[in-house]
Amino acid sequence: MRRSSLLLPKGLRPLGFVFAGTGIILAIIRFIFGYKPDLLKRNVFAVYSHYLDSKFFQVVKNQMLEEIAGVLFVLGIFLIAFTKE
């Protein structure tokens, strides 16, 4: 009986390192240097927001750089972890 491989091709591993590195660099720029570009400040729908007061299921103004950095980092780690060696 032949087993099928559920892992991704090994060619995606370098892309994972690029995504994870970019996510880390963006997080450093945002949280250590405090850079907040006005281009990425958008109104987004939030299930829960606790800034000055608690808000549920409302549209709030948010800095998107934090989410972009987090998604890139998680996607990069996912690609690194689930590719063939």
N, C-alpha and C. Protein backbone atom coordinates (compact mmCIF):
# COMPACT_ATOMS: atom_id res chain seq x y z
N MET A 1 0.84 -1.18 0.00
CA MET A 1 0.00 0.00 0.00
C MET A 1 0.88 1.24 0.00
N ARG A 2 0.63 2.13 -0.93
CA ARG A 2 1.45 3.32 -1.10
C ARG A 2 0.88 4.47 -0.27
N ARG A 3 1.75 5.15 0.47
CA ARG A 3 1.33 6.29 1.27
C ARG A 3 1.50 7.57 0.46
N SER A 4 0.54 8.41 0.54
CA SER A 4 0.66 9.71 -0.14
C SER A 4 1.30 10.70 0.83
N SER A 5 2.11 11.58 0.28
CA SER A 5 2.79 12.58 1.10
C SER A 5 1.90 13.81 1.23
N LEU A 6 1.70 14.25 2.46
CA LEU A 6 0.89 15.42 2.70
C LEU A 6 1.72 16.69 2.87
N LEU A 7 3.02 16.58 2.63
CA LEU A 7 3.90 17.73 2.78
C LEU A 7 3.97 18.54 1.49
N LEU A 8 4.33 19.81 1.63
CA LEU A 8 4.48 20.70 0.49
C LEU A 8 5.82 20.45 -0.19
N PRO A 9 5.98 20.86 -1.45
CA PRO A 9 7.26 20.69 -2.14
C PRO A 9 8.37 21.49 -1.46
N LYS A 10 9.60 20.97 -1.52
CA LYS A 10 10.70 21.62 -0.81
C LYS A 10 11.12 22.95 -1.42
N GLY A 11 10.66 23.25 -2.61
CA GLY A 11 10.95 24.54 -3.23
C GLY A 11 10.27 25.71 -2.54
N LEU A 12 9.29 25.44 -1.69
CA LEU A 12 8.59 26.51 -0.99
C LEU A 12 9.28 26.93 0.30
N ARG A 13 10.28 26.17 0.75
CA ARG A 13 10.97 26.51 1.99
C ARG A 13 11.66 27.88 1.94
N PRO A 14 12.39 28.21 0.86
CA PRO A 14 12.99 29.56 0.81
C PRO A 14 11.95 30.68 0.85
N LEU A 15 10.81 30.45 0.22
CA LEU A 15 9.74 31.44 0.27
C LEU A 15 9.23 31.61 1.70
N GLY A 16 9.19 30.51 2.45
CA GLY A 16 8.80 30.59 3.86
C GLY A 16 9.77 31.43 4.67
N PHE A 17 11.06 31.27 4.40
CA PHE A 17 12.05 32.10 5.11
C PHE A 17 11.90 33.57 4.75
N VAL A 18 11.59 33.85 3.48
CA VAL A 18 11.39 35.25 3.06
C VAL A 18 10.16 35.84 3.76
N PHE A 19 9.05 35.09 3.79
CA PHE A 19 7.84 35.58 4.44
C PHE A 19 8.06 35.79 5.94
N ALA A 20 8.68 34.83 6.60
CA ALA A 20 8.91 34.94 8.05
C ALA A 20 9.86 36.11 8.35
N GLY A 21 10.90 36.25 7.57
CA GLY A 21 11.84 37.36 7.77
C GLY A 21 11.19 38.71 7.55
N THR A 22 10.37 38.80 6.51
CA THR A 22 9.66 40.05 6.24
C THR A 22 8.69 40.39 7.37
N GLY A 23 8.00 39.37 7.88
CA GLY A 23 7.08 39.59 9.00
C GLY A 23 7.81 40.09 10.24
N ILE A 24 8.97 39.51 10.52
CA ILE A 24 9.76 39.95 11.68
C ILE A 24 10.25 41.38 11.51
N ILE A 25 10.73 41.70 10.31
CA ILE A 25 11.22 43.05 10.05
C ILE A 25 10.10 44.07 10.17
N LEU A 26 8.92 43.76 9.62
CA LEU A 26 7.79 44.68 9.73
C LEU A 26 7.35 44.85 11.18
N ALA A 27 7.39 43.78 11.96
CA ALA A 27 7.02 43.88 13.38
C ALA A 27 8.03 44.74 14.14
N ILE A 28 9.30 44.61 13.84
CA ILE A 28 10.33 45.44 14.48
C ILE A 28 10.12 46.90 14.12
N ILE A 29 9.85 47.17 12.84
CA ILE A 29 9.62 48.55 12.41
C ILE A 29 8.40 49.14 13.12
N ARG A 30 7.35 48.34 13.26
CA ARG A 30 6.12 48.85 13.89
C ARG A 30 6.24 49.02 15.39
N PHE A 31 6.75 48.00 16.09
CA PHE A 31 6.69 48.02 17.55
C PHE A 31 7.92 48.63 18.21
N ILE A 32 9.10 48.51 17.63
CA ILE A 32 10.29 49.07 18.26
C ILE A 32 10.51 50.52 17.81
N PHE A 33 10.38 50.76 16.49
CA PHE A 33 10.60 52.11 15.99
C PHE A 33 9.33 52.95 16.01
N GLY A 34 8.17 52.34 16.19
CA GLY A 34 6.92 53.07 16.30
C GLY A 34 6.42 53.69 15.01
N TYR A 35 6.81 53.15 13.87
CA TYR A 35 6.41 53.69 12.57
C TYR A 35 4.98 53.26 12.26
N LYS A 36 4.11 54.23 11.97
CA LYS A 36 2.71 53.97 11.62
C LYS A 36 2.38 54.71 10.33
N PRO A 37 2.49 54.04 9.18
CA PRO A 37 2.19 54.75 7.93
C PRO A 37 0.69 55.07 7.82
N ASP A 38 0.39 56.27 7.37
CA ASP A 38 -1.01 56.68 7.21
C ASP A 38 -1.71 55.88 6.11
N LEU A 39 -0.94 55.36 5.17
CA LEU A 39 -1.50 54.57 4.08
C LEU A 39 -2.22 53.32 4.59
N LEU A 40 -1.73 52.74 5.69
CA LEU A 40 -2.28 51.50 6.20
C LEU A 40 -3.28 51.70 7.35
N LYS A 41 -3.69 52.92 7.61
CA LYS A 41 -4.69 53.18 8.64
C LYS A 41 -6.07 53.14 7.98
N ARG A 42 -6.83 52.10 8.29
CA ARG A 42 -8.11 51.85 7.62
C ARG A 42 -9.22 51.55 8.61
N ASN A 43 -10.44 51.73 8.15
CA ASN A 43 -11.60 51.30 8.92
C ASN A 43 -11.81 49.81 8.65
N VAL A 44 -11.88 49.02 9.71
CA VAL A 44 -12.06 47.58 9.58
C VAL A 44 -13.18 47.14 10.53
N PHE A 45 -13.80 46.02 10.19
CA PHE A 45 -14.82 45.45 11.05
C PHE A 45 -14.13 44.65 12.15
N ALA A 46 -14.49 44.91 13.39
CA ALA A 46 -13.89 44.23 14.53
C ALA A 46 -14.96 43.48 15.31
N VAL A 47 -14.68 42.23 15.62
CA VAL A 47 -15.57 41.47 16.48
C VAL A 47 -15.48 42.01 17.90
N TYR A 48 -14.25 42.29 18.36
CA TYR A 48 -14.05 42.86 19.70
C TYR A 48 -12.87 43.83 19.64
N SER A 49 -13.06 45.00 20.20
CA SER A 49 -11.99 45.99 20.27
C SER A 49 -11.98 46.60 21.66
N HIS A 50 -10.80 46.64 22.26
CA HIS A 50 -10.67 47.23 23.60
C HIS A 50 -9.52 48.22 23.54
N TYR A 51 -9.82 49.47 23.21
CA TYR A 51 -8.79 50.49 23.19
C TYR A 51 -9.09 51.50 24.29
N LEU A 52 -10.01 52.37 24.10
CA LEU A 52 -10.44 53.28 25.17
C LEU A 52 -11.67 52.73 25.87
N ASP A 53 -12.52 52.06 25.10
CA ASP A 53 -13.69 51.40 25.67
C ASP A 53 -13.92 50.11 24.88
N SER A 54 -14.71 49.21 25.43
CA SER A 54 -14.96 47.94 24.77
C SER A 54 -16.03 48.11 23.70
N LYS A 55 -15.74 47.57 22.51
CA LYS A 55 -16.69 47.62 21.40
C LYS A 55 -16.86 46.21 20.85
N PHE A 56 -18.09 45.87 20.54
CA PHE A 56 -18.39 44.56 19.97
C PHE A 56 -19.05 44.75 18.61
N PHE A 57 -18.57 44.04 17.59
CA PHE A 57 -19.15 44.02 16.25
C PHE A 57 -19.36 45.41 15.70
N GLN A 58 -18.30 46.19 15.65
CA GLN A 58 -18.37 47.54 15.12
C GLN A 58 -17.20 47.78 14.17
N VAL A 59 -17.30 48.85 13.42
CA VAL A 59 -16.22 49.27 12.53
C VAL A 59 -15.32 50.22 13.31
N VAL A 60 -14.02 49.91 13.35
CA VAL A 60 -13.06 50.72 14.08
C VAL A 60 -11.91 51.10 13.15
N LYS A 61 -11.22 52.18 13.45
CA LYS A 61 -10.03 52.58 12.69
C LYS A 61 -8.83 51.83 13.27
N ASN A 62 -8.08 51.17 12.39
CA ASN A 62 -7.01 50.29 12.85
C ASN A 62 -5.78 50.44 11.96
N GLN A 63 -4.61 50.22 12.54
CA GLN A 63 -3.35 50.21 11.82
C GLN A 63 -3.12 48.81 11.27
N MET A 64 -3.09 48.64 9.96
CA MET A 64 -3.04 47.32 9.33
C MET A 64 -1.63 46.72 9.30
N LEU A 65 -0.60 47.50 9.60
CA LEU A 65 0.77 46.98 9.56
C LEU A 65 0.97 45.83 10.54
N GLU A 66 0.31 45.89 11.68
CA GLU A 66 0.42 44.81 12.67
C GLU A 66 -0.13 43.49 12.13
N GLU A 67 -1.29 43.55 11.47
CA GLU A 67 -1.89 42.34 10.93
C GLU A 67 -1.09 41.79 9.76
N ILE A 68 -0.57 42.66 8.92
CA ILE A 68 0.24 42.21 7.78
C ILE A 68 1.49 41.50 8.28
N ALA A 69 2.16 42.07 9.28
CA ALA A 69 3.36 41.45 9.83
C ALA A 69 3.03 40.09 10.44
N GLY A 70 1.94 39.99 11.18
CA GLY A 70 1.56 38.73 11.80
C GLY A 70 1.21 37.65 10.79
N VAL A 71 0.46 38.02 9.76
CA VAL A 71 0.08 37.03 8.74
C VAL A 71 1.30 36.55 7.97
N LEU A 72 2.20 37.45 7.60
CA LEU A 72 3.41 37.04 6.89
C LEU A 72 4.27 36.11 7.74
N PHE A 73 4.40 36.42 9.02
CA PHE A 73 5.21 35.58 9.90
C PHE A 73 4.60 34.19 10.05
N VAL A 74 3.30 34.12 10.30
CA VAL A 74 2.64 32.82 10.48
C VAL A 74 2.67 32.01 9.18
N LEU A 75 2.44 32.65 8.05
CA LEU A 75 2.50 31.95 6.77
C LEU A 75 3.91 31.44 6.49
N GLY A 76 4.92 32.24 6.80
CA GLY A 76 6.30 31.81 6.61
C GLY A 76 6.66 30.62 7.48
N ILE A 77 6.29 30.65 8.74
CA ILE A 77 6.56 29.53 9.64
C ILE A 77 5.81 28.28 9.19
N PHE A 78 4.60 28.46 8.71
CA PHE A 78 3.81 27.32 8.18
C PHE A 78 4.54 26.69 6.99
N LEU A 79 5.03 27.51 6.06
CA LEU A 79 5.75 26.98 4.89
C LEU A 79 7.04 26.29 5.30
N ILE A 80 7.74 26.82 6.27
CA ILE A 80 8.99 26.19 6.73
C ILE A 80 8.69 24.85 7.40
N ALA A 81 7.67 24.81 8.20
CA ALA A 81 7.38 23.60 8.98
C ALA A 81 6.81 22.46 8.14
N PHE A 82 6.04 22.77 7.11
CA PHE A 82 5.34 21.73 6.39
C PHE A 82 5.86 21.47 4.98
N THR A 83 7.14 21.74 4.75
CA THR A 83 7.75 21.37 3.48
C THR A 83 8.68 20.16 3.68
N LYS A 84 8.88 19.43 2.59
CA LYS A 84 9.77 18.28 2.64
C LYS A 84 11.20 18.76 2.83
N GLU A 85 12.02 17.92 3.47
CA GLU A 85 13.43 18.28 3.64
C GLU A 85 14.25 17.78 2.47
